[in-house]
N, C-alpha and C. Protein backbone atom coordinates (compact mmCIF):
# COMPACT_ATOMS: atom_id res chain seq x y z
N MET A 1 -0.07 -6.77 -15.03
CA MET A 1 -0.96 -7.68 -14.53
C MET A 1 -1.97 -6.90 -13.64
N ARG A 2 -1.37 -6.38 -12.92
CA ARG A 2 -2.47 -5.43 -12.05
C ARG A 2 -3.12 -4.08 -12.90
N TYR A 3 -2.48 -3.67 -13.78
CA TYR A 3 -3.23 -3.03 -14.54
C TYR A 3 -4.40 -3.34 -15.54
N PHE A 4 -3.98 -4.87 -15.99
CA PHE A 4 -4.97 -5.61 -16.73
C PHE A 4 -6.11 -5.94 -15.80
N ILE A 5 -5.70 -6.23 -14.36
CA ILE A 5 -7.08 -6.47 -13.54
C ILE A 5 -7.74 -5.11 -13.34
N TYR A 6 -7.32 -3.90 -13.09
CA TYR A 6 -8.10 -2.93 -12.99
C TYR A 6 -8.85 -2.19 -13.98
N LEU A 7 -8.10 -2.66 -15.19
CA LEU A 7 -8.80 -2.33 -16.50
C LEU A 7 -10.09 -3.12 -16.67
N LEU A 8 -9.87 -4.29 -16.45
CA LEU A 8 -11.14 -5.24 -16.64
C LEU A 8 -11.94 -4.65 -15.77
N LEU A 9 -11.72 -4.56 -14.47
CA LEU A 9 -12.85 -4.40 -13.26
C LEU A 9 -13.45 -3.35 -13.70
N SER A 10 -12.82 -2.19 -14.24
CA SER A 10 -13.35 -0.89 -14.85
C SER A 10 -14.36 -0.97 -15.96
N ILE A 11 -14.17 -2.03 -16.78
CA ILE A 11 -14.96 -2.49 -17.89
C ILE A 11 -16.40 -3.24 -17.39
N ILE A 12 -15.90 -3.89 -16.30
CA ILE A 12 -17.30 -4.59 -15.71
C ILE A 12 -17.88 -3.76 -15.05
N VAL A 13 -17.39 -2.69 -14.38
CA VAL A 13 -18.40 -1.69 -13.72
C VAL A 13 -19.16 -0.82 -14.78
N ILE A 14 -18.22 -0.47 -15.70
CA ILE A 14 -19.11 0.55 -16.74
C ILE A 14 -20.23 -0.57 -17.52
N THR A 15 -19.91 -1.55 -18.11
CA THR A 15 -21.11 -2.65 -18.56
C THR A 15 -21.75 -3.26 -18.09
N SER A 16 -21.64 -3.26 -17.01
CA SER A 16 -22.29 -4.20 -15.99
C SER A 16 -23.81 -3.46 -15.56
N CYS A 17 -23.53 -2.07 -15.83
CA CYS A 17 -24.77 -0.93 -15.12
C CYS A 17 -25.46 -0.47 -16.65
N GLY A 18 -24.94 -1.09 -17.77
CA GLY A 18 -25.78 -0.83 -18.75
C GLY A 18 -25.31 0.64 -19.68
N GLU A 19 -24.13 1.15 -19.08
CA GLU A 19 -23.80 2.62 -19.66
C GLU A 19 -22.59 2.37 -20.58
N SER A 20 -22.44 3.11 -21.44
CA SER A 20 -21.42 2.74 -22.36
C SER A 20 -20.00 3.89 -21.99
N ALA A 21 -18.91 3.28 -22.21
CA ALA A 21 -17.58 3.98 -21.74
C ALA A 21 -17.82 5.71 -22.11
N SER A 22 -18.25 6.19 -23.13
CA SER A 22 -18.66 7.67 -23.81
C SER A 22 -19.61 8.30 -22.46
N GLU A 23 -20.58 7.64 -21.85
CA GLU A 23 -21.30 7.89 -20.89
C GLU A 23 -20.61 8.21 -19.53
N SER A 24 -19.45 7.37 -19.14
CA SER A 24 -19.00 7.41 -17.97
C SER A 24 -18.31 8.81 -17.95
N LYS A 25 -18.11 9.60 -16.88
CA LYS A 25 -17.29 10.78 -16.56
C LYS A 25 -16.46 10.57 -15.31
N GLU A 26 -15.39 11.16 -15.40
CA GLU A 26 -14.15 11.05 -14.39
C GLU A 26 -14.76 12.03 -13.10
N VAL A 27 -15.06 11.41 -11.96
CA VAL A 27 -15.41 12.24 -10.93
C VAL A 27 -14.77 12.28 -9.87
N LYS A 28 -14.46 13.23 -8.98
CA LYS A 28 -13.63 13.62 -8.20
C LYS A 28 -14.25 13.42 -6.84
N THR A 29 -13.76 12.83 -5.53
CA THR A 29 -14.40 13.29 -4.35
C THR A 29 -15.09 14.54 -3.94
N GLU A 30 -14.12 15.17 -4.27
CA GLU A 30 -14.45 16.82 -3.60
C GLU A 30 -15.86 17.09 -4.08
N ASN A 31 -16.53 16.65 -5.29
CA ASN A 31 -17.56 17.13 -5.92
C ASN A 31 -18.60 16.45 -5.75
N ILE A 32 -18.55 15.09 -4.64
CA ILE A 32 -19.68 14.11 -4.57
C ILE A 32 -20.38 14.98 -3.30
N GLU A 33 -21.44 15.08 -3.47
CA GLU A 33 -22.52 15.86 -2.60
C GLU A 33 -23.80 15.42 -2.40
N PRO A 34 -24.60 15.27 -1.60
CA PRO A 34 -25.94 14.66 -1.41
C PRO A 34 -26.94 15.58 -2.65
N GLU A 35 -27.27 15.14 -3.51
CA GLU A 35 -28.35 15.83 -4.57
C GLU A 35 -29.44 16.52 -4.02
N THR A 36 -29.75 15.75 -3.15
CA THR A 36 -31.12 16.17 -2.67
C THR A 36 -31.05 15.98 -1.09
N ALA A 37 -32.14 16.61 -0.55
CA ALA A 37 -32.28 16.89 0.49
C ALA A 37 -33.17 15.38 1.10
N LYS A 38 -33.70 14.86 0.17
CA LYS A 38 -34.40 13.40 0.37
C LYS A 38 -33.20 12.42 -0.05
N LYS A 39 -33.19 11.16 0.89
CA LYS A 39 -32.05 10.28 0.69
C LYS A 39 -32.40 9.41 -0.60
N MET A 40 -31.49 8.89 -1.29
CA MET A 40 -31.75 8.20 -2.50
C MET A 40 -31.85 6.71 -2.13
N ASN A 41 -32.36 5.61 -2.75
CA ASN A 41 -32.42 4.33 -2.40
C ASN A 41 -31.32 3.59 -2.96
N ALA A 42 -30.74 2.60 -2.20
CA ALA A 42 -29.68 1.79 -2.59
C ALA A 42 -30.14 0.38 -2.18
N ASN A 43 -29.90 -0.52 -3.15
CA ASN A 43 -30.27 -2.04 -2.69
C ASN A 43 -29.31 -2.56 -1.42
N ALA A 44 -29.68 -3.35 -0.82
CA ALA A 44 -29.12 -3.89 0.47
C ALA A 44 -27.76 -4.35 0.13
N GLU A 45 -27.31 -4.79 -1.01
CA GLU A 45 -25.91 -5.50 -1.33
C GLU A 45 -25.17 -4.44 -1.20
N THR A 46 -25.55 -3.19 -1.86
CA THR A 46 -24.71 -1.88 -2.00
C THR A 46 -24.12 -1.58 -0.62
N SER A 47 -25.18 -1.37 0.15
CA SER A 47 -25.34 -0.91 1.33
C SER A 47 -24.31 -1.58 2.62
N GLU A 48 -24.35 -2.85 2.22
CA GLU A 48 -23.81 -4.05 2.87
C GLU A 48 -22.52 -4.11 2.57
N GLY A 49 -22.22 -3.80 1.34
CA GLY A 49 -20.88 -3.61 0.57
C GLY A 49 -19.84 -2.26 1.05
N MET A 50 -20.68 -1.36 1.10
CA MET A 50 -20.02 0.07 1.60
C MET A 50 -19.57 -0.10 3.30
N LEU A 51 -20.92 -0.46 4.11
CA LEU A 51 -20.65 -0.74 5.65
C LEU A 51 -19.57 -1.49 5.63
N MET A 52 -19.31 -2.51 5.04
CA MET A 52 -18.10 -3.71 5.24
C MET A 52 -17.05 -2.71 5.01
N MET A 53 -16.60 -2.15 4.10
CA MET A 53 -15.55 -1.27 3.30
C MET A 53 -15.35 -0.54 4.60
N GLN A 54 -16.38 0.14 5.18
CA GLN A 54 -15.94 1.23 6.15
C GLN A 54 -15.21 0.61 7.73
N HIS A 55 -16.10 -0.41 8.01
CA HIS A 55 -15.89 -1.27 9.06
C HIS A 55 -14.16 -1.75 9.03
N MET A 56 -14.01 -2.07 7.82
CA MET A 56 -12.85 -2.92 7.77
C MET A 56 -11.81 -1.76 7.97
N ILE A 57 -11.98 -0.92 7.20
CA ILE A 57 -10.86 0.11 7.41
C ILE A 57 -10.62 0.97 8.99
N ILE A 58 -11.87 1.02 9.29
CA ILE A 58 -11.93 1.80 10.56
C ILE A 58 -11.09 0.34 11.77
N SER A 59 -11.76 -0.50 11.61
CA SER A 59 -10.84 -1.66 12.47
C SER A 59 -9.36 -1.98 11.91
N PHE A 60 -9.04 -1.78 11.00
CA PHE A 60 -7.51 -1.85 10.71
C PHE A 60 -6.76 -0.63 11.23
N ASN A 61 -7.46 0.59 11.23
CA ASN A 61 -6.86 1.66 11.68
C ASN A 61 -6.70 1.46 13.31
N GLU A 62 -7.21 0.66 13.94
CA GLU A 62 -7.45 0.62 15.35
C GLU A 62 -6.45 -0.62 15.76
N MET A 63 -5.89 -1.26 15.01
CA MET A 63 -5.06 -2.54 15.03
C MET A 63 -3.47 -1.50 15.66
N ASN A 64 -2.76 -2.65 15.99
CA ASN A 64 -1.43 -2.36 16.56
C ASN A 64 -0.75 -2.36 15.38
N GLU A 65 0.23 -1.37 15.12
CA GLU A 65 1.19 -1.24 13.69
C GLU A 65 1.77 -2.78 13.14
N GLU A 66 2.17 -3.15 14.30
CA GLU A 66 2.80 -4.50 14.06
C GLU A 66 1.92 -5.96 13.29
N ASP A 67 0.64 -5.56 13.68
CA ASP A 67 -0.42 -6.52 13.34
C ASP A 67 -1.26 -6.10 12.16
N LYS A 68 -0.76 -5.11 11.46
CA LYS A 68 -1.33 -4.27 10.15
C LYS A 68 -1.01 -5.09 8.80
N ASN A 69 -1.80 -5.86 8.18
CA ASN A 69 -1.78 -6.36 6.77
C ASN A 69 -2.34 -5.85 6.06
N TYR A 70 -1.43 -4.80 5.24
CA TYR A 70 -2.16 -3.92 4.09
C TYR A 70 -2.71 -4.74 2.84
N ALA A 71 -1.98 -5.87 2.50
CA ALA A 71 -2.27 -6.47 1.33
C ALA A 71 -3.78 -7.31 1.65
N VAL A 72 -3.55 -7.88 2.66
CA VAL A 72 -4.89 -8.43 2.84
C VAL A 72 -6.15 -7.53 3.09
N LEU A 73 -6.11 -6.17 3.64
CA LEU A 73 -6.95 -5.47 3.77
C LEU A 73 -7.46 -4.79 2.14
N LEU A 74 -6.42 -4.56 1.43
CA LEU A 74 -6.74 -4.10 0.28
C LEU A 74 -7.28 -4.98 -0.46
N GLY A 75 -6.80 -6.43 -0.48
CA GLY A 75 -7.52 -7.67 -1.13
C GLY A 75 -9.21 -7.52 -0.86
N GLU A 76 -9.25 -7.36 0.37
CA GLU A 76 -10.93 -7.64 0.83
C GLU A 76 -11.58 -6.28 0.55
N LEU A 77 -10.88 -5.14 0.61
CA LEU A 77 -11.47 -4.17 -0.15
C LEU A 77 -12.09 -4.32 -1.37
N GLY A 78 -11.06 -4.71 -2.06
CA GLY A 78 -11.25 -5.33 -3.65
C GLY A 78 -12.32 -6.17 -3.94
N TYR A 79 -12.85 -7.05 -2.72
CA TYR A 79 -13.65 -8.16 -3.06
C TYR A 79 -14.91 -7.19 -2.83
N GLN A 80 -14.82 -6.48 -1.76
CA GLN A 80 -16.16 -5.58 -1.49
C GLN A 80 -16.53 -4.91 -2.53
N CYS A 81 -16.06 -4.24 -3.38
CA CYS A 81 -15.85 -3.52 -4.67
C CYS A 81 -16.75 -4.57 -5.42
N ASP A 82 -16.06 -5.87 -5.53
CA ASP A 82 -16.53 -6.86 -6.84
C ASP A 82 -17.90 -6.90 -6.47
N TYR A 83 -18.23 -7.22 -5.02
CA TYR A 83 -19.74 -7.84 -4.67
C TYR A 83 -20.63 -6.86 -5.01
N ILE A 84 -20.25 -5.48 -4.54
CA ILE A 84 -21.13 -4.21 -4.65
C ILE A 84 -21.76 -4.34 -6.39
N ILE A 85 -20.51 -4.67 -7.16
CA ILE A 85 -20.66 -4.24 -8.82
C ILE A 85 -21.49 -5.57 -9.16
N LYS A 86 -21.27 -6.86 -8.86
CA LYS A 86 -21.83 -7.97 -9.28
C LYS A 86 -23.55 -8.08 -8.89
N ASN A 87 -23.63 -7.26 -7.73
CA ASN A 87 -24.87 -7.13 -6.86
C ASN A 87 -26.08 -6.04 -7.38
N CYS A 88 -25.53 -5.30 -7.91
CA CYS A 88 -26.15 -4.14 -8.52
C CYS A 88 -27.36 -4.22 -9.16
N THR A 89 -28.37 -3.44 -8.39
CA THR A 89 -29.67 -3.80 -9.25
C THR A 89 -30.26 -2.49 -9.23
N MET A 90 -29.64 -1.27 -8.87
CA MET A 90 -30.16 -0.03 -8.66
C MET A 90 -30.35 0.39 -10.10
N LYS A 91 -31.01 1.61 -10.54
CA LYS A 91 -31.60 2.02 -11.67
C LYS A 91 -31.68 3.34 -11.52
N GLY A 92 -31.33 4.26 -12.70
CA GLY A 92 -32.05 5.63 -12.73
C GLY A 92 -30.83 6.35 -12.17
N ASP A 93 -31.34 7.65 -11.29
CA ASP A 93 -30.32 8.70 -10.70
C ASP A 93 -30.01 8.18 -9.56
N ASP A 94 -30.56 7.02 -8.75
CA ASP A 94 -29.73 6.33 -7.72
C ASP A 94 -28.38 5.89 -8.33
N HIS A 95 -28.88 5.15 -9.11
CA HIS A 95 -27.64 4.52 -9.73
C HIS A 95 -26.35 5.33 -10.23
N THR A 96 -26.81 6.17 -11.00
CA THR A 96 -25.77 7.24 -11.30
C THR A 96 -24.89 8.05 -10.32
N ALA A 97 -25.74 8.25 -9.36
CA ALA A 97 -25.47 8.82 -8.28
C ALA A 97 -24.53 7.77 -7.09
N LEU A 98 -24.76 6.44 -7.25
CA LEU A 98 -23.55 5.34 -6.88
C LEU A 98 -22.35 5.55 -7.67
N HIS A 99 -22.72 5.52 -8.87
CA HIS A 99 -21.25 5.58 -9.68
C HIS A 99 -20.49 6.37 -8.88
N LYS A 100 -20.95 7.89 -8.88
CA LYS A 100 -19.98 9.12 -8.55
C LYS A 100 -19.30 8.79 -7.20
N MET A 101 -19.72 7.89 -6.40
CA MET A 101 -19.08 7.01 -5.01
C MET A 101 -18.28 6.12 -5.30
N LEU A 102 -19.01 5.08 -6.36
CA LEU A 102 -17.79 4.03 -6.26
C LEU A 102 -16.73 4.22 -7.29
N GLU A 103 -16.69 4.95 -8.27
CA GLU A 103 -15.58 5.03 -8.89
C GLU A 103 -14.20 5.63 -8.12
N PRO A 104 -14.59 6.71 -7.46
CA PRO A 104 -13.52 6.99 -6.97
C PRO A 104 -13.11 5.97 -5.58
N ILE A 105 -13.71 5.29 -5.02
CA ILE A 105 -13.29 4.09 -4.34
C ILE A 105 -12.42 2.93 -5.12
N LEU A 106 -12.76 2.67 -6.18
CA LEU A 106 -12.18 1.81 -6.88
C LEU A 106 -10.69 2.61 -7.26
N THR A 107 -10.83 3.81 -7.75
CA THR A 107 -9.58 4.34 -7.85
C THR A 107 -8.61 4.56 -6.83
N SER A 108 -9.21 4.55 -5.57
CA SER A 108 -8.32 4.72 -4.21
C SER A 108 -7.65 3.32 -3.83
N VAL A 109 -8.55 2.27 -4.32
CA VAL A 109 -8.06 1.04 -3.78
C VAL A 109 -6.93 0.63 -4.82
N GLN A 110 -7.20 0.84 -6.10
CA GLN A 110 -6.14 0.71 -6.93
C GLN A 110 -4.65 1.42 -6.63
N LYS A 111 -5.18 2.72 -6.44
CA LYS A 111 -3.77 3.67 -5.88
C LYS A 111 -3.09 3.02 -4.82
N ALA A 112 -3.88 2.75 -3.71
CA ALA A 112 -3.09 2.15 -2.58
C ALA A 112 -2.62 0.95 -2.84
N LYS A 113 -3.27 -0.05 -3.95
CA LYS A 113 -2.43 -1.18 -4.19
C LYS A 113 -1.21 -0.58 -4.94
N ASN A 114 -0.86 0.21 -5.38
CA ASN A 114 0.35 0.50 -6.15
C ASN A 114 1.23 1.66 -5.33
N ALA A 115 0.76 1.91 -4.30
CA ALA A 115 1.69 2.95 -3.44
C ALA A 115 2.71 2.31 -2.98
N ASP A 116 3.61 3.20 -2.72
CA ASP A 116 5.14 2.85 -2.43
C ASP A 116 5.37 3.02 -0.67
N SER A 117 4.20 3.44 -0.21
CA SER A 117 4.51 3.56 1.31
C SER A 117 3.29 3.48 1.98
N ASN A 118 3.16 3.02 3.20
CA ASN A 118 2.08 2.79 3.97
C ASN A 118 1.11 4.44 4.02
N GLU A 119 2.08 5.41 4.01
CA GLU A 119 1.44 6.55 4.51
C GLU A 119 0.48 6.90 3.30
N LYS A 120 1.14 6.58 2.02
CA LYS A 120 0.07 6.95 0.88
C LYS A 120 -1.10 6.15 0.92
N ILE A 121 -0.92 4.74 1.38
CA ILE A 121 -1.79 3.68 1.24
C ILE A 121 -2.97 4.32 2.50
N ASP A 122 -2.46 4.74 3.54
CA ASP A 122 -3.30 5.36 4.71
C ASP A 122 -4.24 6.67 4.21
N ALA A 123 -3.37 7.53 3.18
CA ALA A 123 -4.05 8.78 2.70
C ALA A 123 -5.32 8.25 1.86
N GLU A 124 -5.16 7.05 1.01
CA GLU A 124 -6.18 6.29 0.10
C GLU A 124 -7.32 5.61 1.17
N LEU A 125 -7.04 5.12 2.26
CA LEU A 125 -7.97 4.62 3.18
C LEU A 125 -9.00 5.54 3.63
N LYS A 126 -8.12 6.89 4.22
CA LYS A 126 -9.18 7.90 4.60
C LYS A 126 -10.14 8.38 3.42
N SER A 127 -9.81 8.59 2.38
CA SER A 127 -10.54 8.89 1.25
C SER A 127 -12.03 7.90 0.98
N ILE A 128 -11.46 6.56 1.09
CA ILE A 128 -12.33 5.73 1.11
C ILE A 128 -13.44 5.29 2.29
N VAL A 129 -12.87 5.92 3.57
CA VAL A 129 -13.64 6.15 4.56
C VAL A 129 -14.65 7.40 4.55
N SER A 130 -14.54 8.44 3.78
CA SER A 130 -14.86 9.57 3.99
C SER A 130 -16.11 9.23 2.49
N ILE A 131 -15.70 8.81 1.60
CA ILE A 131 -16.65 8.31 0.82
C ILE A 131 -17.86 7.66 1.13
N THR A 132 -17.25 6.67 1.98
CA THR A 132 -18.66 5.50 2.62
C THR A 132 -19.52 6.21 3.51
N GLU A 133 -18.84 7.39 4.06
CA GLU A 133 -19.63 8.31 5.23
C GLU A 133 -20.36 8.82 4.43
N LEU A 134 -19.65 9.84 3.41
CA LEU A 134 -21.08 10.36 2.32
C LEU A 134 -22.20 9.18 1.74
N PHE A 135 -21.77 8.19 1.62
CA PHE A 135 -22.65 7.33 0.99
C PHE A 135 -23.75 7.25 1.86
N PHE A 136 -23.43 7.09 3.29
CA PHE A 136 -24.54 6.77 4.06
C PHE A 136 -25.80 8.09 4.55
N GLU A 137 -24.70 9.06 4.16
CA GLU A 137 -25.68 10.46 4.33
C GLU A 137 -26.73 10.80 3.06
N THR A 138 -26.18 10.23 1.90
CA THR A 138 -26.99 10.29 0.54
C THR A 138 -27.74 9.10 0.40
N PHE A 139 -27.72 8.10 0.75
CA PHE A 139 -28.33 6.85 0.50
C PHE A 139 -28.91 6.34 2.07
N GLU A 140 -30.17 5.49 1.30
CA GLU A 140 -30.69 4.69 2.49
C GLU A 140 -31.14 3.03 1.99
N SER A 141 -31.22 2.25 2.97
CA SER A 141 -31.71 0.77 2.50
C SER A 141 -31.94 0.41 3.99
N ASP A 142 -33.08 -0.16 4.09
CA ASP A 142 -33.65 -1.00 5.14
C ASP A 142 -32.98 -2.01 5.46
N GLN A 143 -32.03 -2.80 4.63
CA GLN A 143 -31.51 -4.12 5.08
C GLN A 143 -29.92 -3.23 6.00
N ALA A 144 -29.32 -2.63 5.61
CA ALA A 144 -28.04 -1.92 6.36
C ALA A 144 -28.35 -1.14 7.41
N GLU A 145 -27.68 -1.39 8.67
CA GLU A 145 -27.78 -0.44 9.66
C GLU A 145 -26.18 0.20 9.46
N VAL A 146 -26.06 1.49 10.14
CA VAL A 146 -24.83 1.95 9.93
C VAL A 146 -24.19 2.51 11.35
């Protein structure tokens, strides 16, 4: 069932943005870099969703170990990804650059959901935080504050 949901979410990401599956490319987080010195524009909902993911993980990492609920956190991260996808109004190069960041986040959330240890989940969470930090280095939005 999880794989079906992940597949469905992937299809929604690709089709909601007007790109065909043949146009999407596998992107690794190591290859994500700010493409220009000038920041790209992100719509407010995207920036808010990325900021929420970043804050949720940072707050989670500051919790006492016995208070951590990985399932709840991963559900909330999935919700934020859905929020970004559903509210995407970006176009052109900015939109393409966003995909380079959002796809690895979706992959990390799914890997974390399927992980067999908290250590593996924590590694995926670190990856998500790194990508959100890079997002705010690369994109700007008037509505979201970092």
